PDB file of N, CA and C in Angstrom:
ATOM      1  N   MET A   1       0.938  -1.638   0.139  1.00  0.00           N
ATOM      2  CA  MET A   1      -0.061  -0.278  -0.120  1.00  0.00           C
ATOM      3  C   MET A   1       0.786   1.282  -0.241  1.00  0.00           C
ATOM      4  N   SER A   2       0.725   1.241  -1.142  1.00  0.00           N
ATOM      5  CA  SER A   2       1.492   3.538  -0.957  1.00  0.00           C
ATOM      6  C   SER A   2       0.978   4.347  -0.055  1.00  0.00           C
ATOM      7  N   ARG A   3       1.410   5.281   0.562  1.00  0.00           N
ATOM      8  CA  ARG A   3       1.337   6.181   2.047  1.00  0.00           C
ATOM      9  C   ARG A   3       1.812   7.623   1.300  1.00  0.00           C
ATOM     10  N   ILE A   4       1.386   8.584   2.001  1.00  0.00           N
ATOM     11  CA  ILE A   4       1.756   9.962   1.465  1.00  0.00           C
ATOM     12  C   ILE A   4       3.475   9.950   1.501  1.00  0.00           C
ATOM     13  N   HIS A   5       4.031   9.301   3.033  1.00  0.00           N
ATOM     14  CA  HIS A   5       5.801   9.547   2.123  1.00  0.00           C
ATOM     15  C   HIS A   5       6.086   8.495   1.383  1.00  0.00           C
ATOM     16  N   ASP A   6       5.765   7.885   0.713  1.00  0.00           N
ATOM     17  CA  ASP A   6       6.119   7.796  -0.199  1.00  0.00           C
ATOM     18  C   ASP A   6       6.215   8.227  -1.941  1.00  0.00           C
ATOM     19  N   VAL A   7       7.074   9.450  -1.798  1.00  0.00           N
ATOM     20  CA  VAL A   7       6.932  10.410  -2.580  1.00  0.00           C
ATOM     21  C   VAL A   7       7.540  10.293  -3.948  1.00  0.00           C
ATOM     22  N   GLY A   8       8.177   8.861  -3.990  1.00  0.00           N
ATOM     23  CA  GLY A   8       9.444   8.705  -5.228  1.00  0.00           C
ATOM     24  C   GLY A   8       8.841   8.993  -6.872  1.00  0.00           C
ATOM     25  N   GLY A   9       9.308   9.164  -7.464  1.00  0.00           N
ATOM     26  CA  GLY A   9       7.766   9.994  -8.304  1.00  0.00           C
ATOM     27  C   GLY A   9       6.812  10.551  -8.846  1.00  0.00           C
ATOM     28  N   MET A  10       6.733  11.212  -7.943  1.00  0.00           N
ATOM     29  CA  MET A  10       5.593  12.681  -7.915  1.00  0.00           C
ATOM     30  C   MET A  10       6.561  13.093  -7.798  1.00  0.00           C
ATOM     31  N   GLU A  11       5.625  14.130  -8.377  1.00  0.00           N
ATOM     32  CA  GLU A  11       5.988  16.180  -8.828  1.00  0.00           C
ATOM     33  C   GLU A  11       5.390  16.794  -7.990  1.00  0.00           C
ATOM     34  N   GLY A  12       5.999  18.561  -7.988  1.00  0.00           N
ATOM     35  CA  GLY A  12       5.746  19.229  -7.442  1.00  0.00           C
ATOM     36  C   GLY A  12       5.788  19.615  -6.402  1.00  0.00           C
ATOM     37  N   PHE A  13       6.762  19.069  -5.766  1.00  0.00           N
ATOM     38  CA  PHE A  13       7.502  19.388  -3.763  1.00  0.00           C
ATOM     39  C   PHE A  13       8.727  20.452  -4.348  1.00  0.00           C
ATOM     40  N   GLY A  14       9.195  21.296  -5.746  1.00  0.00           N
ATOM     41  CA  GLY A  14      10.001  21.683  -6.222  1.00  0.00           C
ATOM     42  C   GLY A  14      11.400  21.307  -6.281  1.00  0.00           C
ATOM     43  N   ALA A  15      12.530  21.640  -6.548  1.00  0.00           N
ATOM     44  CA  ALA A  15      14.026  21.371  -6.083  1.00  0.00           C
ATOM     45  C   ALA A  15      14.245  20.674  -4.886  1.00  0.00           C
ATOM     46  N   VAL A  16      15.186  20.183  -4.543  1.00  0.00           N
ATOM     47  CA  VAL A  16      15.566  19.534  -3.801  1.00  0.00           C
ATOM     48  C   VAL A  16      17.058  20.329  -3.432  1.00  0.00           C
ATOM     49  N   ASP A  17      17.086  20.822  -2.363  1.00  0.00           N
ATOM     50  CA  ASP A  17      18.175  21.392  -1.881  1.00  0.00           C
ATOM     51  C   ASP A  17      19.277  21.177  -1.695  1.00  0.00           C
ATOM     52  N   PRO A  18      20.465  20.613  -2.280  1.00  0.00           N
ATOM     53  CA  PRO A  18      21.564  19.230  -1.597  1.00  0.00           C
ATOM     54  C   PRO A  18      22.516  20.725  -0.645  1.00  0.00           C
ATOM     55  N   TYR A  19      21.983  21.657  -0.216  1.00  0.00           N
ATOM     56  CA  TYR A  19      23.191  22.242   1.329  1.00  0.00           C
ATOM     57  C   TYR A  19      23.008  22.028   2.285  1.00  0.00           C
ATOM     58  N   ASP A  20      24.324  21.403   2.764  1.00  0.00           N
ATOM     59  CA  ASP A  20      23.989  20.630   3.591  1.00  0.00           C
ATOM     60  C   ASP A  20      24.899  21.710   5.074  1.00  0.00           C
ATOM     61  N   ASP A  21      24.013  21.719   5.988  1.00  0.00           N
ATOM     62  CA  ASP A  21      24.827  23.161   7.142  1.00  0.00           C
ATOM     63  C   ASP A  21      25.994  22.330   7.599  1.00  0.00           C
ATOM     64  N   GLY A  22      25.460  21.185   7.906  1.00  0.00           N
ATOM     65  CA  GLY A  22      26.233  20.899   8.871  1.00  0.00           C
ATOM     66  C   GLY A  22      25.814  20.411  10.419  1.00  0.00           C
ATOM     67  N   GLU A  23      24.119  20.809  10.518  1.00  0.00           N
ATOM     68  CA  GLU A  23      23.931  20.946  11.983  1.00  0.00           C
ATOM     69  C   GLU A  23      22.980  20.075  11.957  1.00  0.00           C
ATOM     70  N   ALA A  24      23.037  18.919  12.781  1.00  0.00           N
ATOM     71  CA  ALA A  24      22.643  17.495  13.220  1.00  0.00           C
ATOM     72  C   ALA A  24      20.957  18.277  13.426  1.00  0.00           C
ATOM     73  N   PHE A  25      20.439  19.609  14.423  1.00  0.00           N
ATOM     74  CA  PHE A  25      19.650  20.190  14.579  1.00  0.00           C
ATOM     75  C   PHE A  25      19.452  21.186  15.157  1.00  0.00           C
ATOM     76  N   HIS A  26      18.421  21.930  13.849  1.00  0.00           N
ATOM     77  CA  HIS A  26      18.148  23.142  14.508  1.00  0.00           C
ATOM     78  C   HIS A  26      17.760  23.990  15.298  1.00  0.00           C
ATOM     79  N   ALA A  27      17.427  23.006  16.189  1.00  0.00           N
ATOM     80  CA  ALA A  27      16.615  24.013  17.888  1.00  0.00           C
ATOM     81  C   ALA A  27      16.675  23.449  18.630  1.00  0.00           C
ATOM     82  N   ASP A  28      16.502  23.495  20.052  1.00  0.00           N
ATOM     83  CA  ASP A  28      16.610  22.663  20.845  1.00  0.00           C
ATOM     84  C   ASP A  28      16.070  21.302  21.063  1.00  0.00           C
ATOM     85  N   TRP A  29      14.474  21.628  20.258  1.00  0.00           N
ATOM     86  CA  TRP A  29      13.460  20.769  20.608  1.00  0.00           C
ATOM     87  C   TRP A  29      13.951  19.540  20.130  1.00  0.00           C
ATOM     88  N   GLU A  30      14.462  19.749  18.675  1.00  0.00           N
ATOM     89  CA  GLU A  30      14.337  18.556  18.173  1.00  0.00           C
ATOM     90  C   GLU A  30      15.564  17.659  18.815  1.00  0.00           C
ATOM     91  N   ALA A  31      16.375  18.163  18.923  1.00  0.00           N
ATOM     92  CA  ALA A  31      17.503  16.807  19.942  1.00  0.00           C
ATOM     93  C   ALA A  31      16.844  16.548  21.171  1.00  0.00           C
ATOM     94  N   ARG A  32      15.695  17.076  21.449  1.00  0.00           N
ATOM     95  CA  ARG A  32      15.193  16.533  22.606  1.00  0.00           C
ATOM     96  C   ARG A  32      14.339  15.346  22.077  1.00  0.00           C
ATOM     97  N   VAL A  33      13.849  15.508  21.462  1.00  0.00           N
ATOM     98  CA  VAL A  33      13.314  14.824  20.624  1.00  0.00           C
ATOM     99  C   VAL A  33      13.999  13.370  20.022  1.00  0.00           C
ATOM    100  N   TYR A  34      14.718  13.604  19.111  1.00  0.00           N
ATOM    101  CA  TYR A  34      15.416  12.592  18.983  1.00  0.00           C
ATOM    102  C   TYR A  34      16.120  11.509  20.262  1.00  0.00           C
ATOM    103  N   ALA A  35      16.208  12.310  21.394  1.00  0.00           N
ATOM    104  CA  ALA A  35      16.753  11.925  22.927  1.00  0.00           C
ATOM    105  C   ALA A  35      15.847  10.851  23.198  1.00  0.00           C
ATOM    106  N   LEU A  36      14.274  11.563  23.120  1.00  0.00           N
ATOM    107  CA  LEU A  36      13.330  10.777  23.861  1.00  0.00           C
ATOM    108  C   LEU A  36      13.124   9.381  22.919  1.00  0.00           C
ATOM    109  N   GLN A  37      12.895  10.027  21.849  1.00  0.00           N
ATOM    110  CA  GLN A  37      12.783   8.135  20.714  1.00  0.00           C
ATOM    111  C   GLN A  37      13.786   7.697  21.147  1.00  0.00           C
ATOM    112  N   ALA A  38      15.719   7.935  21.277  1.00  0.00           N
ATOM    113  CA  ALA A  38      16.269   6.755  21.254  1.00  0.00           C
ATOM    114  C   ALA A  38      16.070   5.934  22.558  1.00  0.00           C
ATOM    115  N   ALA A  39      15.711   7.121  23.948  1.00  0.00           N
ATOM    116  CA  ALA A  39      15.526   6.563  24.408  1.00  0.00           C
ATOM    117  C   ALA A  39      14.261   5.343  25.084  1.00  0.00           C
ATOM    118  N   LEU A  40      12.837   5.537  24.684  1.00  0.00           N
ATOM    119  CA  LEU A  40      11.743   4.729  24.493  1.00  0.00           C
ATOM    120  C   LEU A  40      12.165   3.435  23.373  1.00  0.00           C
ATOM    121  N   LEU A  41      13.242   3.486  22.623  1.00  0.00           N
ATOM    122  CA  LEU A  41      13.860   2.330  21.941  1.00  0.00           C
ATOM    123  C   LEU A  41      14.397   1.516  22.755  1.00  0.00           C
ATOM    124  N   ARG A  42      15.319   1.832  23.801  1.00  0.00           N
ATOM    125  CA  ARG A  42      16.155   1.553  24.712  1.00  0.00           C
ATOM    126  C   ARG A  42      15.079   1.204  25.419  1.00  0.00           C
ATOM    127  N   ARG A  43      14.580   1.464  26.489  1.00  0.00           N
ATOM    128  CA  ARG A  43      13.681   0.784  27.056  1.00  0.00           C
ATOM    129  C   ARG A  43      12.291  -0.240  27.058  1.00  0.00           C
ATOM    130  N   GLY A  44      12.950   0.252  25.697  1.00  0.00           N
ATOM    131  CA  GLY A  44      11.548  -1.512  25.084  1.00  0.00           C
ATOM    132  C   GLY A  44       9.632  -0.906  24.910  1.00  0.00           C
ATOM    133  N   VAL A  45      10.020   0.444  24.999  1.00  0.00           N
ATOM    134  CA  VAL A  45       8.077   0.878  25.231  1.00  0.00           C
ATOM    135  C   VAL A  45       7.999   0.417  23.653  1.00  0.00           C
ATOM    136  N   TYR A  46       8.680   0.780  22.394  1.00  0.00           N
ATOM    137  CA  TYR A  46       8.107   0.759  21.064  1.00  0.00           C
ATOM    138  C   TYR A  46       9.188   0.096  20.776  1.00  0.00           C
ATOM    139  N   ARG A  47       8.982  -0.412  19.426  1.00  0.00           N
ATOM    140  CA  ARG A  47      10.009  -1.296  18.442  1.00  0.00           C
ATOM    141  C   ARG A  47      10.358   0.590  17.086  1.00  0.00           C
ATOM    142  N   LEU A  48      11.424  -0.105  16.928  1.00  0.00           N
ATOM    143  CA  LEU A  48      11.710   0.799  15.667  1.00  0.00           C
ATOM    144  C   LEU A  48      10.640   0.952  14.720  1.00  0.00           C
ATOM    145  N   ASP A  49      10.667  -0.616  13.917  1.00  0.00           N
ATOM    146  CA  ASP A  49       9.481  -0.076  12.847  1.00  0.00           C
ATOM    147  C   ASP A  49       7.886  -0.019  13.649  1.00  0.00           C
ATOM    148  N   GLU A  50       8.191  -0.008  15.120  1.00  0.00           N
ATOM    149  CA  GLU A  50       6.363   1.000  15.150  1.00  0.00           C
ATOM    150  C   GLU A  50       6.770   2.363  14.867  1.00  0.00           C
ATOM    151  N   PHE A  51       7.536   2.605  15.234  1.00  0.00           N
ATOM    152  CA  PHE A  51       7.725   3.598  15.389  1.00  0.00           C
ATOM    153  C   PHE A  51       7.705   4.504  13.439  1.00  0.00           C
ATOM    154  N   ARG A  52       8.728   3.852  13.157  1.00  0.00           N
ATOM    155  CA  ARG A  52       8.557   4.143  11.476  1.00  0.00           C
ATOM    156  C   ARG A  52       7.442   4.033  10.979  1.00  0.00           C
ATOM    157  N   ASP A  53       6.485   2.895  11.910  1.00  0.00           N
ATOM    158  CA  ASP A  53       4.685   3.357  11.073  1.00  0.00           C
ATOM    159  C   ASP A  53       4.124   3.653  11.317  1.00  0.00           C
ATOM    160  N   ALA A  54       4.406   4.670  12.383  1.00  0.00           N
ATOM    161  CA  ALA A  54       3.725   5.903  13.037  1.00  0.00           C
ATOM    162  C   ALA A  54       3.772   6.877  12.584  1.00  0.00           C
ATOM    163  N   ILE A  55       5.005   7.009  11.910  1.00  0.00           N
ATOM    164  CA  ILE A  55       5.282   8.160  10.900  1.00  0.00           C
ATOM    165  C   ILE A  55       4.439   8.004   9.624  1.00  0.00           C
ATOM    166  N   GLU A  56       4.541   7.002   9.180  1.00  0.00           N
ATOM    167  CA  GLU A  56       3.533   6.662   7.964  1.00  0.00           C
ATOM    168  C   GLU A  56       2.218   6.430   8.216  1.00  0.00           C
ATOM    169  N   ARG A  57       2.014   6.782   9.040  1.00  0.00           N
ATOM    170  CA  ARG A  57       0.052   6.211   9.457  1.00  0.00           C
ATOM    171  C   ARG A  57      -0.112   8.059   9.849  1.00  0.00           C
ATOM    172  N   LEU A  58       0.679   8.998   9.877  1.00  0.00           N
ATOM    173  CA  LEU A  58       0.416  10.554  10.083  1.00  0.00           C
ATOM    174  C   LEU A  58      -0.983  10.309   8.475  1.00  0.00           C
ATOM    175  N   GLU A  59      -1.292  11.334   9.296  1.00  0.00           N
ATOM    176  CA  GLU A  59      -2.772  11.974   7.835  1.00  0.00           C
ATOM    177  C   GLU A  59      -1.906  12.931   6.975  1.00  0.00           C
ATOM    178  N   PRO A  60      -2.020  12.199   5.463  1.00  0.00           N
ATOM    179  CA  PRO A  60      -1.237  13.583   4.917  1.00  0.00           C
ATOM    180  C   PRO A  60      -1.492  14.702   4.506  1.00  0.00           C
ATOM    181  N   SER A  61      -1.948  15.343   5.318  1.00  0.00           N
ATOM    182  CA  SER A  61      -1.692  17.033   5.313  1.00  0.00           C
ATOM    183  C   SER A  61      -1.160  17.181   6.287  1.00  0.00           C
ATOM    184  N   VAL A  62      -1.054  16.145   7.119  1.00  0.00           N
ATOM    185  CA  VAL A  62       0.275  16.947   8.582  1.00  0.00           C
ATOM    186  C   VAL A  62       1.462  16.591   8.162  1.00  0.00           C
ATOM    187  N   TYR A  63       1.668  15.076   7.870  1.00  0.00           N
ATOM    188  CA  TYR A  63       2.617  14.709   7.384  1.00  0.00           C
ATOM    189  C   TYR A  63       3.372  15.632   6.273  1.00  0.00           C
ATOM    190  N   LEU A  64       2.399  16.142   5.252  1.00  0.00           N
ATOM    191  CA  LEU A  64       3.264  17.405   4.301  1.00  0.00           C
ATOM    192  C   LEU A  64       3.370  18.586   5.090  1.00  0.00           C
ATOM    193  N   GLN A  65       3.301  18.838   5.874  1.00  0.00           N
ATOM    194  CA  GLN A  65       2.948  20.214   6.037  1.00  0.00           C
ATOM    195  C   GLN A  65       3.555  20.200   7.734  1.00  0.00           C
ATOM    196  N   THR A  66       4.614  19.296   8.153  1.00  0.00           N
ATOM    197  CA  THR A  66       5.030  19.347   9.585  1.00  0.00           C
ATOM    198  C   THR A  66       6.569  19.176   9.351  1.00  0.00           C
ATOM    199  N   SER A  67       7.618  19.417   9.679  1.00  0.00           N
ATOM    200  CA  SER A  67       9.280  19.054   9.997  1.00  0.00           C
ATOM    201  C   SER A  67       9.178  18.138  10.253  1.00  0.00           C
ATOM    202  N   TYR A  68      10.423  17.182  10.089  1.00  0.00           N
ATOM    203  CA  TYR A  68      11.320  15.869  10.033  1.00  0.00           C
ATOM    204  C   TYR A  68      10.832  15.790  11.416  1.00  0.00           C
ATOM    205  N   TYR A  69      11.209  15.788  12.368  1.00  0.00           N
ATOM    206  CA  TYR A  69      11.193  15.700  13.911  1.00  0.00           C
ATOM    207  C   TYR A  69      10.053  16.565  14.451  1.00  0.00           C
ATOM    208  N   ALA A  70       9.337  16.618  13.740  1.00  0.00           N
ATOM    209  CA  ALA A  70       7.543  17.362  14.663  1.00  0.00           C
ATOM    210  C   ALA A  70       6.982  15.632  14.193  1.00  0.00           C
ATOM    211  N   ARG A  71       7.112  15.377  13.001  1.00  0.00           N
ATOM    212  CA  ARG A  71       6.505  13.879  12.686  1.00  0.00           C
ATOM    213  C   ARG A  71       7.020  12.886  13.528  1.00  0.00           C
ATOM    214  N   TRP A  72       8.346  12.610  14.016  1.00  0.00           N
ATOM    215  CA  TRP A  72       8.453  11.356  15.108  1.00  0.00           C
ATOM    216  C   TRP A  72       8.333  12.250  15.906  1.00  0.00           C
ATOM    217  N   LEU A  73       7.752  13.301  16.895  1.00  0.00           N
ATOM    218  CA  LEU A  73       7.610  13.895  18.200  1.00  0.00           C
ATOM    219  C   LEU A  73       5.293  13.477  17.777  1.00  0.00           C
ATOM    220  N   ALA A  74       4.794  13.643  16.715  1.00  0.00           N
ATOM    221  CA  ALA A  74       3.695  13.199  16.414  1.00  0.00           C
ATOM    222  C   ALA A  74       3.716  11.824  16.523  1.00  0.00           C
ATOM    223  N   ALA A  75       4.535  10.865  16.604  1.00  0.00           N
ATOM    224  CA  ALA A  75       4.405   9.402  15.892  1.00  0.00           C
ATOM    225  C   ALA A  75       4.610   8.391  17.446  1.00  0.00           C
ATOM    226  N   ILE A  76       5.575   9.474  18.738  1.00  0.00           N
ATOM    227  CA  ILE A  76       6.065   9.386  19.666  1.00  0.00           C
ATOM    228  C   ILE A  76       4.458   9.228  20.573  1.00  0.00           C
ATOM    229  N   GLU A  77       3.927  10.494  20.540  1.00  0.00           N
ATOM    230  CA  GLU A  77       2.755  10.662  21.193  1.00  0.00           C
ATOM    231  C   GLU A  77       1.752   9.943  20.429  1.00  0.00           C
ATOM    232  N   ASP A  78       1.784   9.453  19.186  1.00  0.00           N
ATOM    233  CA  ASP A  78       0.490   8.628  19.098  1.00  0.00           C
ATOM    234  C   ASP A  78       1.278   7.276  19.866  1.00  0.00           C
ATOM    235  N   LEU A  79       1.977   6.717  19.258  1.00  0.00           N
ATOM    236  CA  LEU A  79       2.364   5.097  20.291  1.00  0.00           C
ATOM    237  C   LEU A  79       2.522   5.302  21.689  1.00  0.00           C
ATOM    238  N   LEU A  80       2.951   6.002  22.539  1.00  0.00           N
ATOM    239  CA  LEU A  80       2.440   6.074  24.193  1.00  0.00           C
ATOM    240  C   LEU A  80       1.138   6.635  24.537  1.00  0.00           C
ATOM    241  N   ASP A  81      -0.152   6.996  23.475  1.00  0.00           N
ATOM    242  CA  ASP A  81      -1.062   6.855  23.657  1.00  0.00           C
ATOM    243  C   ASP A  81      -1.973   5.392  23.455  1.00  0.00           C
ATOM    244  N   ARG A  82      -1.423   5.044  22.129  1.00  0.00           N
ATOM    245  CA  ARG A  82      -1.741   3.538  21.740  1.00  0.00           C
ATOM    246  C   ARG A  82      -1.594   2.373  22.907  1.00  0.00           C
ATOM    247  N   LYS A  83      -0.560   2.545  23.301  1.00  0.00           N
ATOM    248  CA  LYS A  83      -0.073   1.753  24.602  1.00  0.00           C
ATOM    249  C   LYS A  83      -0.094   2.283  25.479  1.00  0.00           C
ATOM    250  N   GLY A  84      -0.928   3.264  25.893  1.00  0.00           N
ATOM    251  CA  GLY A  84      -1.920   3.214  27.313  1.00  0.00           C
ATOM    252  C   GLY A  84      -0.477   3.594  28.086  1.00  0.00           C
ATOM    253  N   VAL A  85       0.661   4.651  27.927  1.00  0.00           N
ATOM    254  CA  VAL A  85       2.172   5.052  28.281  1.00  0.00           C
ATOM    255  C   VAL A  85       1.317   6.595  28.949  1.00  0.00           C
ATOM    256  N   LEU A  86       1.857   7.077  28.163  1.00  0.00           N
ATOM    257  CA  LEU A  86       0.234   8.566  28.617  1.00  0.00           C
ATOM    258  C   LEU A  86      -0.854   8.774  27.105  1.00  0.00           C
ATOM    259  N   GLU A  87      -1.980   9.592  28.363  1.00  0.00           N
ATOM    260  CA  GLU A  87      -3.003   9.480  27.197  1.00  0.00           C
ATOM    261  C   GLU A  87      -2.869  11.002  26.311  1.00  0.00           C
ATOM    262  N   ARG A  88      -3.247  10.794  25.086  1.00  0.00           N
ATOM    263  CA  ARG A  88      -3.217  12.468  24.674  1.00  0.00           C
ATOM    264  C   ARG A  88      -4.232  13.346  25.017  1.00  0.00           C
ATOM    265  N   GLY A  89      -3.414  14.525  25.004  1.00  0.00           N
ATOM    266  CA  GLY A  89      -3.436  15.557  25.878  1.00  0.00           C
ATOM    267  C   GLY A  89      -2.605  16.145  27.550  1.00  0.00           C
ATOM    268  N   TRP A  90      -2.353  15.183  27.688  1.00  0.00           N
ATOM    269  CA  TRP A  90      -1.298  14.654  29.000  1.00  0.00           C
ATOM    270  C   TRP A  90      -0.329  15.968  28.993  1.00  0.00           C
ATOM    271  N   ALA A  91       0.119  17.074  27.607  1.00  0.00           N
ATOM    272  CA  ALA A  91       1.167  18.000  27.789  1.00  0.00           C
ATOM    273  C   ALA A  91      -0.035  20.022  27.878  1.00  0.00           C
ATOM    274  N   GLY A  92      -1.207  19.408  27.399  1.00  0.00           N
ATOM    275  CA  GLY A  92      -2.005  20.847  26.618  1.00  0.00           C
ATOM    276  C   GLY A  92      -2.264  20.005  25.749  1.00  0.00           C
ATOM    277  N   HIS A  93      -2.114  18.981  24.588  1.00  0.00           N
ATOM    278  CA  HIS A  93      -2.208  19.317  23.761  1.00  0.00           C
ATOM    279  C   HIS A  93      -3.171  18.496  23.340  1.00  0.00           C
ATOM    280  N   GLY A  94      -3.900  18.563  22.082  1.00  0.00           N
ATOM    281  CA  GLY A  94      -5.631  17.789  21.905  1.00  0.00           C
ATOM    282  C   GLY A  94      -5.137  17.002  21.232  1.00  0.00           C
TER     283      GLY A  94
END
């Protein structure tokens, strides 16, 4: 099944910017999301394939309008909710 993240062969996304600024993260919160994801994997809260699937299950409009680490955070929130670790809205998010 093809999902929105599978954009191979699709057009209309504009030119690819090959510039690499050398920065792994462009904001502190991105590094925190990365660390949170790594800790949750190490603790066995979910598996890497579950995390990838959670990203791929994002609504197409959400997937296309959010940044790389915002997708990670959305996937983490979804997995924590699905597994009963935290309920949605736990941090004022709806």
